[in-house]
Amino acid sequence: MKKKVYTRPVSVALSEEMFVQVKTIADNEEIGISDYIREAIREKLTTNNHNPLQQEIIQD
């Protein structure tokens, strides 16, 4: 049986403009909206994890 990678659902409200932009990009890249949003979060977390102040917060 395949192990689930993503198990924690998160619901977010987006403006119509933001949703249309995300949907358009996801459609053009032929990926799901959730995949696009996960990648955006991953990129933001990576950026924050390189910030020394953010590292301090994570370690506390």
PDB file of N, CA and C in Angstrom:
ATOM      1  N   MET A   1       0.835  -1.174   0.000  1.00  0.00           N
ATOM      2  CA  MET A   1       0.000   0.000   0.000  1.00  0.00           C
ATOM      3  C   MET A   1       0.887   1.247   0.000  1.00  0.00           C
ATOM      4  N   LYS A   2       0.505   2.219  -0.800  1.00  0.00           N
ATOM      5  CA  LYS A   2       1.265   3.458  -0.917  1.00  0.00           C
ATOM      6  C   LYS A   2       1.062   4.329   0.318  1.00  0.00           C
ATOM      7  N   LYS A   3       2.168   4.824   0.876  1.00  0.00           N
ATOM      8  CA  LYS A   3       2.105   5.685   2.053  1.00  0.00           C
ATOM      9  C   LYS A   3       1.704   7.099   1.631  1.00  0.00           C
ATOM     10  N   LYS A   4       0.770   7.699   2.364  1.00  0.00           N
ATOM     11  CA  LYS A   4       0.334   9.059   2.063  1.00  0.00           C
ATOM     12  C   LYS A   4       1.420  10.044   2.471  1.00  0.00           C
ATOM     13  N   VAL A   5       1.723  10.972   1.590  1.00  0.00           N
ATOM     14  CA  VAL A   5       2.737  11.981   1.862  1.00  0.00           C
ATOM     15  C   VAL A   5       2.099  13.197   2.526  1.00  0.00           C
ATOM     16  N   TYR A   6       0.938  13.590   2.040  1.00  0.00           N
ATOM     17  CA  TYR A   6       0.263  14.788   2.541  1.00  0.00           C
ATOM     18  C   TYR A   6      -0.986  14.367   3.296  1.00  0.00           C
ATOM     19  N   THR A   7      -1.000  14.633   4.591  1.00  0.00           N
ATOM     20  CA  THR A   7      -2.122  14.165   5.412  1.00  0.00           C
ATOM     21  C   THR A   7      -2.816  15.273   6.188  1.00  0.00           C
ATOM     22  N   ARG A   8      -2.275  16.482   6.172  1.00  0.00           N
ATOM     23  CA  ARG A   8      -2.844  17.582   6.954  1.00  0.00           C
ATOM     24  C   ARG A   8      -3.515  18.592   6.025  1.00  0.00           C
ATOM     25  N   PRO A   9      -4.830  18.550   5.904  1.00  0.00           N
ATOM     26  CA  PRO A   9      -5.514  19.508   5.024  1.00  0.00           C
ATOM     27  C   PRO A   9      -5.504  20.913   5.628  1.00  0.00           C
ATOM     28  N   VAL A  10      -5.367  21.890   4.763  1.00  0.00           N
ATOM     29  CA  VAL A  10      -5.385  23.292   5.174  1.00  0.00           C
ATOM     30  C   VAL A  10      -6.294  24.043   4.210  1.00  0.00           C
ATOM     31  N   SER A  11      -7.161  24.842   4.762  1.00  0.00           N
ATOM     32  CA  SER A  11      -8.072  25.628   3.933  1.00  0.00           C
ATOM     33  C   SER A  11      -7.683  27.095   4.029  1.00  0.00           C
ATOM     34  N   VAL A  12      -7.560  27.741   2.887  1.00  0.00           N
ATOM     35  CA  VAL A  12      -7.242  29.167   2.863  1.00  0.00           C
ATOM     36  C   VAL A  12      -8.215  29.889   1.938  1.00  0.00           C
ATOM     37  N   ALA A  13      -8.552  31.103   2.313  1.00  0.00           N
ATOM     38  CA  ALA A  13      -9.401  31.939   1.460  1.00  0.00           C
ATOM     39  C   ALA A  13      -8.492  32.828   0.617  1.00  0.00           C
ATOM     40  N   LEU A  14      -8.773  32.889  -0.679  1.00  0.00           N
ATOM     41  CA  LEU A  14      -7.995  33.709  -1.602  1.00  0.00           C
ATOM     42  C   LEU A  14      -8.897  34.755  -2.233  1.00  0.00           C
ATOM     43  N   SER A  15      -8.312  35.878  -2.599  1.00  0.00           N
ATOM     44  CA  SER A  15      -9.075  36.854  -3.374  1.00  0.00           C
ATOM     45  C   SER A  15      -9.335  36.241  -4.749  1.00  0.00           C
ATOM     46  N   GLU A  16     -10.312  36.756  -5.451  1.00  0.00           N
ATOM     47  CA  GLU A  16     -10.620  36.250  -6.789  1.00  0.00           C
ATOM     48  C   GLU A  16      -9.401  36.398  -7.699  1.00  0.00           C
ATOM     49  N   GLU A  17      -8.725  37.535  -7.604  1.00  0.00           N
ATOM     50  CA  GLU A  17      -7.548  37.790  -8.434  1.00  0.00           C
ATOM     51  C   GLU A  17      -6.437  36.780  -8.148  1.00  0.00           C
ATOM     52  N   MET A  18      -6.190  36.521  -6.872  1.00  0.00           N
ATOM     53  CA  MET A  18      -5.147  35.572  -6.496  1.00  0.00           C
ATOM     54  C   MET A  18      -5.508  34.166  -6.984  1.00  0.00           C
ATOM     55  N   PHE A  19      -6.768  33.772  -6.821  1.00  0.00           N
ATOM     56  CA  PHE A  19      -7.197  32.447  -7.260  1.00  0.00           C
ATOM     57  C   PHE A  19      -7.015  32.284  -8.765  1.00  0.00           C
ATOM     58  N   VAL A  20      -7.433  33.297  -9.524  1.00  0.00           N
ATOM     59  CA  VAL A  20      -7.317  33.222 -10.984  1.00  0.00           C
ATOM     60  C   VAL A  20      -5.849  33.093 -11.391  1.00  0.00           C
ATOM     61  N   GLN A  21      -4.973  33.847 -10.742  1.00  0.00           N
ATOM     62  CA  GLN A  21      -3.543  33.754 -11.057  1.00  0.00           C
ATOM     63  C   GLN A  21      -3.003  32.360 -10.755  1.00  0.00           C
ATOM     64  N   VAL A  22      -3.333  31.832  -9.588  1.00  0.00           N
ATOM     65  CA  VAL A  22      -2.857  30.500  -9.198  1.00  0.00           C
ATOM     66  C   VAL A  22      -3.406  29.445 -10.150  1.00  0.00           C
ATOM     67  N   LYS A  23      -4.695  29.517 -10.448  1.00  0.00           N
ATOM     68  CA  LYS A  23      -5.319  28.533 -11.339  1.00  0.00           C
ATOM     69  C   LYS A  23      -4.706  28.590 -12.735  1.00  0.00           C
ATOM     70  N   THR A  24      -4.485  29.790 -13.239  1.00  0.00           N
ATOM     71  CA  THR A  24      -3.896  29.946 -14.571  1.00  0.00           C
ATOM     72  C   THR A  24      -2.499  29.331 -14.628  1.00  0.00           C
ATOM     73  N   ILE A  25      -1.689  29.621 -13.632  1.00  0.00           N
ATOM     74  CA  ILE A  25      -0.327  29.062 -13.590  1.00  0.00           C
ATOM     75  C   ILE A  25      -0.379  27.542 -13.472  1.00  0.00           C
ATOM     76  N   ALA A  26      -1.220  27.043 -12.576  1.00  0.00           N
ATOM     77  CA  ALA A  26      -1.334  25.589 -12.388  1.00  0.00           C
ATOM     78  C   ALA A  26      -1.800  24.917 -13.681  1.00  0.00           C
ATOM     79  N   ASP A  27      -2.783  25.514 -14.341  1.00  0.00           N
ATOM     80  CA  ASP A  27      -3.271  24.953 -15.610  1.00  0.00           C
ATOM     81  C   ASP A  27      -2.168  24.948 -16.666  1.00  0.00           C
ATOM     82  N   ASN A  28      -1.436  26.052 -16.763  1.00  0.00           N
ATOM     83  CA  ASN A  28      -0.359  26.142 -17.761  1.00  0.00           C
ATOM     84  C   ASN A  28       0.748  25.125 -17.496  1.00  0.00           C
ATOM     85  N   GLU A  29       1.016  24.859 -16.227  1.00  0.00           N
ATOM     86  CA  GLU A  29       2.056  23.889 -15.861  1.00  0.00           C
ATOM     87  C   GLU A  29       1.508  22.464 -15.772  1.00  0.00           C
ATOM     88  N   GLU A  30       0.198  22.333 -15.992  1.00  0.00           N
ATOM     89  CA  GLU A  30      -0.492  21.040 -15.932  1.00  0.00           C
ATOM     90  C   GLU A  30      -0.262  20.342 -14.598  1.00  0.00           C
ATOM     91  N   ILE A  31      -0.432  21.111 -13.514  1.00  0.00           N
ATOM     92  CA  ILE A  31      -0.348  20.574 -12.157  1.00  0.00           C
ATOM     93  C   ILE A  31      -1.592  21.005 -11.397  1.00  0.00           C
ATOM     94  N   GLY A  32      -1.834  20.373 -10.282  1.00  0.00           N
ATOM     95  CA  GLY A  32      -2.974  20.742  -9.460  1.00  0.00           C
ATOM     96  C   GLY A  32      -2.709  22.027  -8.691  1.00  0.00           C
ATOM     97  N   ILE A  33      -3.786  22.704  -8.332  1.00  0.00           N
ATOM     98  CA  ILE A  33      -3.666  23.921  -7.535  1.00  0.00           C
ATOM     99  C   ILE A  33      -2.963  23.609  -6.217  1.00  0.00           C
ATOM    100  N   SER A  34      -3.305  22.498  -5.594  1.00  0.00           N
ATOM    101  CA  SER A  34      -2.662  22.124  -4.327  1.00  0.00           C
ATOM    102  C   SER A  34      -1.160  21.937  -4.502  1.00  0.00           C
ATOM    103  N   ASP A  35      -0.759  21.330  -5.613  1.00  0.00           N
ATOM    104  CA  ASP A  35       0.673  21.147  -5.879  1.00  0.00           C
ATOM    105  C   ASP A  35       1.374  22.494  -6.003  1.00  0.00           C
ATOM    106  N   TYR A  36       0.735  23.429  -6.686  1.00  0.00           N
ATOM    107  CA  TYR A  36       1.321  24.760  -6.851  1.00  0.00           C
ATOM    108  C   TYR A  36       1.455  25.464  -5.502  1.00  0.00           C
ATOM    109  N   ILE A  37       0.406  25.394  -4.695  1.00  0.00           N
ATOM    110  CA  ILE A  37       0.419  26.052  -3.388  1.00  0.00           C
ATOM    111  C   ILE A  37       1.456  25.409  -2.473  1.00  0.00           C
ATOM    112  N   ARG A  38       1.560  24.077  -2.486  1.00  0.00           N
ATOM    113  CA  ARG A  38       2.588  23.398  -1.680  1.00  0.00           C
ATOM    114  C   ARG A  38       3.983  23.871  -2.069  1.00  0.00           C
ATOM    115  N   GLU A  39       4.232  23.998  -3.367  1.00  0.00           N
ATOM    116  CA  GLU A  39       5.547  24.447  -3.833  1.00  0.00           C
ATOM    117  C   GLU A  39       5.810  25.888  -3.398  1.00  0.00           C
ATOM    118  N   ALA A  40       4.795  26.741  -3.451  1.00  0.00           N
ATOM    119  CA  ALA A  40       4.959  28.132  -3.006  1.00  0.00           C
ATOM    120  C   ALA A  40       5.297  28.177  -1.516  1.00  0.00           C
ATOM    121  N   ILE A  41       4.630  27.355  -0.729  1.00  0.00           N
ATOM    122  CA  ILE A  41       4.916  27.293   0.711  1.00  0.00           C
ATOM    123  C   ILE A  41       6.329  26.771   0.940  1.00  0.00           C
ATOM    124  N   ARG A  42       6.708  25.727   0.190  1.00  0.00           N
ATOM    125  CA  ARG A  42       8.055  25.157   0.309  1.00  0.00           C
ATOM    126  C   ARG A  42       9.121  26.225   0.032  1.00  0.00           C
ATOM    127  N   GLU A  43       8.910  27.017  -1.024  1.00  0.00           N
ATOM    128  CA  GLU A  43       9.866  28.076  -1.361  1.00  0.00           C
ATOM    129  C   GLU A  43       9.945  29.116  -0.252  1.00  0.00           C
ATOM    130  N   LYS A  44       8.810  29.514   0.300  1.00  0.00           N
ATOM    131  CA  LYS A  44       8.786  30.511   1.374  1.00  0.00           C
ATOM    132  C   LYS A  44       9.478  29.969   2.622  1.00  0.00           C
ATOM    133  N   LEU A  45       9.220  28.723   2.958  1.00  0.00           N
ATOM    134  CA  LEU A  45       9.860  28.119   4.129  1.00  0.00           C
ATOM    135  C   LEU A  45      11.367  28.023   3.943  1.00  0.00           C
ATOM    136  N   THR A  46      11.798  27.686   2.752  1.00  0.00           N
ATOM    137  CA  THR A  46      13.227  27.612   2.463  1.00  0.00           C
ATOM    138  C   THR A  46      13.870  28.978   2.643  1.00  0.00           C
ATOM    139  N   THR A  47      13.223  30.014   2.141  1.00  0.00           N
ATOM    140  CA  THR A  47      13.728  31.380   2.300  1.00  0.00           C
ATOM    141  C   THR A  47      13.805  31.748   3.771  1.00  0.00           C
ATOM    142  N   ASN A  48      12.747  31.468   4.513  1.00  0.00           N
ATOM    143  CA  ASN A  48      12.717  31.799   5.937  1.00  0.00           C
ATOM    144  C   ASN A  48      13.739  31.001   6.727  1.00  0.00           C
ATOM    145  N   ASN A  49      13.990  29.771   6.336  1.00  0.00           N
ATOM    146  CA  ASN A  49      14.940  28.932   7.063  1.00  0.00           C
ATOM    147  C   ASN A  49      16.378  29.401   6.887  1.00  0.00           C
ATOM    148  N   HIS A  50      16.629  30.246   5.894  1.00  0.00           N
ATOM    149  CA  HIS A  50      17.969  30.807   5.702  1.00  0.00           C
ATOM    150  C   HIS A  50      18.132  32.124   6.449  1.00  0.00           C
ATOM    151  N   ASN A  51      17.060  32.597   7.063  1.00  0.00           N
ATOM    152  CA  ASN A  51      17.076  33.839   7.825  1.00  0.00           C
ATOM    153  C   ASN A  51      17.468  33.507   9.266  1.00  0.00           C
ATOM    154  N   PRO A  52      18.599  34.028   9.765  1.00  0.00           N
ATOM    155  CA  PRO A  52      19.058  33.698  11.129  1.00  0.00           C
ATOM    156  C   PRO A  52      18.015  33.989  12.207  1.00  0.00           C
ATOM    157  N   LEU A  53      17.265  35.072  12.074  1.00  0.00           N
ATOM    158  CA  LEU A  53      16.236  35.404  13.052  1.00  0.00           C
ATOM    159  C   LEU A  53      15.146  34.335  13.048  1.00  0.00           C
ATOM    160  N   GLN A  54      14.757  33.871  11.879  1.00  0.00           N
ATOM    161  CA  GLN A  54      13.736  32.828  11.769  1.00  0.00           C
ATOM    162  C   GLN A  54      14.245  31.530  12.377  1.00  0.00           C
ATOM    163  N   GLN A  55      15.509  31.191  12.166  1.00  0.00           N
ATOM    164  CA  GLN A  55      16.096  29.987  12.751  1.00  0.00           C
ATOM    165  C   GLN A  55      15.990  30.024  14.267  1.00  0.00           C
ATOM    166  N   GLU A  56      16.204  31.201  14.861  1.00  0.00           N
ATOM    167  CA  GLU A  56      16.110  31.367  16.305  1.00  0.00           C
ATOM    168  C   GLU A  56      14.693  31.058  16.784  1.00  0.00           C
ATOM    169  N   ILE A  57      13.706  31.534  16.056  1.00  0.00           N
ATOM    170  CA  ILE A  57      12.302  31.310  16.420  1.00  0.00           C
ATOM    171  C   ILE A  57      11.970  29.827  16.331  1.00  0.00           C
ATOM    172  N   ILE A  58      12.435  29.163  15.281  1.00  0.00           N
ATOM    173  CA  ILE A  58      12.153  27.739  15.083  1.00  0.00           C
ATOM    174  C   ILE A  58      12.762  26.907  16.205  1.00  0.00           C
ATOM    175  N   GLN A  59      13.953  27.260  16.658  1.00  0.00           N
ATOM    176  CA  GLN A  59      14.652  26.470  17.665  1.00  0.00           C
ATOM    177  C   GLN A  59      14.077  26.647  19.060  1.00  0.00           C
ATOM    178  N   ASP A  60      13.369  27.747  19.322  1.00  0.00           N
ATOM    179  CA  ASP A  60      12.798  27.985  20.663  1.00  0.00           C
ATOM    180  C   ASP A  60      11.612  27.101  20.951  1.00  0.00           C
TER     181      ASP A  60
END
